[in-house]
Amino acid sequence: MKDENPNTRNNGRSGPADTAREDGGHSVPDHSVPDHPVLDRSGAMRRLELDPESYDELLALMTVEVAGALDALTEAWRSGDTVAVRLHAHRLKSEAANVGAEEVRFAASRLEWLLRREEEADGEEDGQVRPGDASAAVSHLRTALARLAAVLGQ
């Protein structure tokens, strides 16, 4: 799935709003881009060619999937299994992208990128993620999910 939202402001640049450059084949989040909307319903419905009722059904299924993925991500984080955390973040990113949950997609994408970067560094000091970056990204993802739940009235 394309990691791009045509409705997201992009400061005149082409390509995904949350990528500044390519780094070894991976998108690098651009933190200068303004906050994304919590939920882009109309953009998701247009992209998926869904009517409001069908979109609401998809959104309901997604919220169940996300709850399970967040539980699994949290457990993997507590046990120190960063590979599993990265895979769960990827899943959350995909689920969020499907329904237009832009803030969740962005937060999950950032977490996935940080953990992949750390895996690829493999002991090289240059590629190391700064201490606390992954923890902050997990916290950001939880906050984004809580904001999405608030928007959905859950």
Protein backbone atom coordinates (compact mmCIF):
# COMPACT_ATOMS: atom_id res chain seq x y z
CA MET A 1 0.00 0.00 0.00
CA LYS A 2 1.24 3.44 -0.87
CA ASP A 3 2.36 5.43 2.18
CA GLU A 4 0.88 8.69 0.93
CA ASN A 5 -2.16 10.81 1.69
CA PRO A 6 -3.05 13.23 -1.09
CA ASN A 7 -5.02 15.36 1.39
CA THR A 8 -2.10 15.95 3.74
CA ARG A 9 -0.38 19.30 3.40
CA ASN A 10 3.07 18.76 2.03
CA ASN A 11 4.62 22.21 1.91
CA GLY A 12 4.85 22.06 -1.89
CA ARG A 13 6.99 18.92 -1.97
CA SER A 14 6.05 15.87 -3.96
CA GLY A 15 5.80 12.45 -2.35
CA PRO A 16 4.60 11.39 1.08
CA ALA A 17 4.13 14.18 3.58
CA ASP A 18 6.09 12.46 6.31
CA THR A 19 9.23 11.68 4.34
CA ALA A 20 12.07 14.09 3.84
CA ARG A 21 14.52 11.84 2.01
CA GLU A 22 15.37 8.25 1.34
CA ASP A 23 17.90 6.66 3.68
CA GLY A 24 19.17 3.28 2.55
CA GLY A 25 15.88 2.47 0.84
CA HIS A 26 13.73 3.53 3.82
CA SER A 27 11.65 6.65 4.20
CA VAL A 28 12.86 9.07 6.83
CA PRO A 29 10.10 10.93 8.69
CA ASP A 30 10.17 14.70 8.25
CA HIS A 31 9.32 16.29 11.59
CA SER A 32 8.87 19.76 10.11
CA VAL A 33 5.58 18.74 8.47
CA PRO A 34 2.49 20.01 10.36
CA ASP A 35 0.45 17.55 12.44
CA HIS A 36 -1.70 15.13 10.48
CA PRO A 37 -5.43 14.93 11.07
CA VAL A 38 -6.45 12.17 13.45
CA LEU A 39 -8.84 10.59 10.96
CA ASP A 40 -9.24 11.43 7.28
CA ARG A 41 -12.62 9.79 6.62
CA SER A 42 -13.38 11.44 3.29
CA GLY A 43 -9.92 10.77 1.91
CA ALA A 44 -10.07 7.10 2.95
CA MET A 45 -13.59 6.66 1.53
CA ARG A 46 -12.50 8.25 -1.74
CA ARG A 47 -9.31 6.15 -1.97
CA LEU A 48 -11.15 2.92 -1.14
CA GLU A 49 -14.25 3.89 -3.14
CA LEU A 50 -16.51 3.18 -0.17
CA ASP A 51 -19.83 4.67 0.88
CA PRO A 52 -20.10 5.92 4.48
CA GLU A 53 -21.80 2.76 5.75
CA SER A 54 -19.16 0.45 4.27
CA TYR A 55 -16.40 2.71 5.58
CA ASP A 56 -17.90 2.58 9.10
CA GLU A 57 -17.94 -1.23 8.91
CA LEU A 58 -14.28 -1.26 7.85
CA LEU A 59 -13.43 1.18 10.63
CA ALA A 60 -15.16 -1.04 13.21
CA LEU A 61 -13.14 -4.06 12.03
CA MET A 62 -9.95 -2.01 12.10
CA THR A 63 -10.51 -0.92 15.71
CA VAL A 64 -10.75 -4.56 16.81
CA GLU A 65 -7.58 -5.41 14.87
CA VAL A 66 -5.74 -2.40 16.29
CA ALA A 67 -6.59 -3.31 19.87
CA GLY A 68 -5.05 -6.75 19.39
CA ALA A 69 -2.01 -5.34 17.63
CA LEU A 70 -1.46 -2.75 20.37
CA ASP A 71 -1.66 -5.45 23.06
CA ALA A 72 0.85 -7.59 21.15
CA LEU A 73 3.14 -4.59 20.55
CA THR A 74 3.02 -3.66 24.25
CA GLU A 75 3.87 -7.20 25.32
CA ALA A 76 6.75 -7.39 22.83
CA TRP A 77 8.04 -4.00 24.01
CA ARG A 78 7.97 -5.11 27.66
CA SER A 79 9.86 -8.29 26.81
CA GLY A 80 12.47 -6.40 24.75
CA ASP A 81 11.57 -8.08 21.44
CA THR A 82 12.19 -5.11 19.15
CA VAL A 83 11.80 -7.20 15.97
CA ALA A 84 8.27 -8.13 17.04
CA VAL A 85 7.57 -4.51 18.02
CA ARG A 86 8.67 -3.39 14.56
CA LEU A 87 6.41 -5.97 12.89
CA HIS A 88 3.43 -4.92 15.02
CA ALA A 89 4.16 -1.27 14.23
CA HIS A 90 4.17 -2.14 10.53
CA ARG A 91 0.80 -3.86 10.92
CA LEU A 92 -0.63 -0.85 12.79
CA LYS A 93 0.72 1.48 10.11
CA SER A 94 -1.01 -0.55 7.39
CA GLU A 95 -4.30 -0.81 9.27
CA ALA A 96 -4.26 2.92 9.98
CA ALA A 97 -3.44 3.79 6.37
CA ASN A 98 -6.40 1.74 5.16
CA VAL A 99 -8.91 3.82 7.13
CA GLY A 100 -7.22 7.22 7.01
CA ALA A 101 -6.02 7.27 10.63
CA GLU A 102 -3.17 9.55 9.68
CA GLU A 103 -1.75 10.32 13.12
CA VAL A 104 -1.61 6.61 13.99
CA ARG A 105 -0.06 5.82 10.60
CA PHE A 106 2.58 8.49 11.10
CA ALA A 107 3.41 7.37 14.68
CA ALA A 108 3.58 3.69 13.71
CA SER A 109 5.71 4.54 10.68
CA ARG A 110 8.16 6.47 12.85
CA LEU A 111 8.45 3.62 15.35
CA GLU A 112 8.95 1.07 12.58
CA TRP A 113 11.62 3.24 10.95
CA LEU A 114 13.51 3.79 14.22
CA LEU A 115 13.58 0.10 15.04
CA ARG A 116 14.61 -0.87 11.50
CA ARG A 117 17.39 1.70 11.61
CA GLU A 118 18.61 0.29 14.90
CA GLU A 119 18.51 -3.29 13.53
CA GLU A 120 20.45 -2.28 10.43
CA ALA A 121 23.07 -0.37 12.43
CA ASP A 122 24.17 -3.68 13.97
CA GLY A 123 26.66 -2.14 16.36
CA GLU A 124 27.72 0.80 14.18
CA GLU A 125 27.69 3.91 16.32
CA ASP A 126 26.66 6.21 13.41
CA GLY A 127 23.39 4.39 12.76
CA GLN A 128 22.34 4.02 16.38
CA VAL A 129 19.04 5.48 17.42
CA ARG A 130 19.46 7.91 20.31
CA PRO A 131 18.56 6.47 23.70
CA GLY A 132 14.90 7.08 24.40
CA ASP A 133 13.86 7.63 20.76
CA ALA A 134 12.10 4.27 20.49
CA SER A 135 10.44 4.72 23.90
CA ALA A 136 9.21 8.14 22.83
CA ALA A 137 7.92 6.67 19.56
CA VAL A 138 6.01 3.95 21.44
CA SER A 139 4.53 6.64 23.67
CA HIS A 140 3.58 8.73 20.64
CA LEU A 141 1.88 5.72 19.05
CA ARG A 142 -0.14 5.06 22.23
CA THR A 143 -1.16 8.74 22.34
CA ALA A 144 -2.18 8.67 18.68
CA LEU A 145 -4.27 5.56 19.28
CA ALA A 146 -5.92 7.19 22.30
CA ARG A 147 -6.75 10.27 20.22
CA LEU A 148 -8.23 8.06 17.50
CA ALA A 149 -10.33 6.25 20.12
CA ALA A 150 -11.56 9.62 21.40
CA VAL A 151 -12.55 10.68 17.88
CA LEU A 152 -14.40 7.40 17.45
CA GLY A 153 -16.11 7.85 20.81
CA GLN A 154 -14.56 4.74 22.38
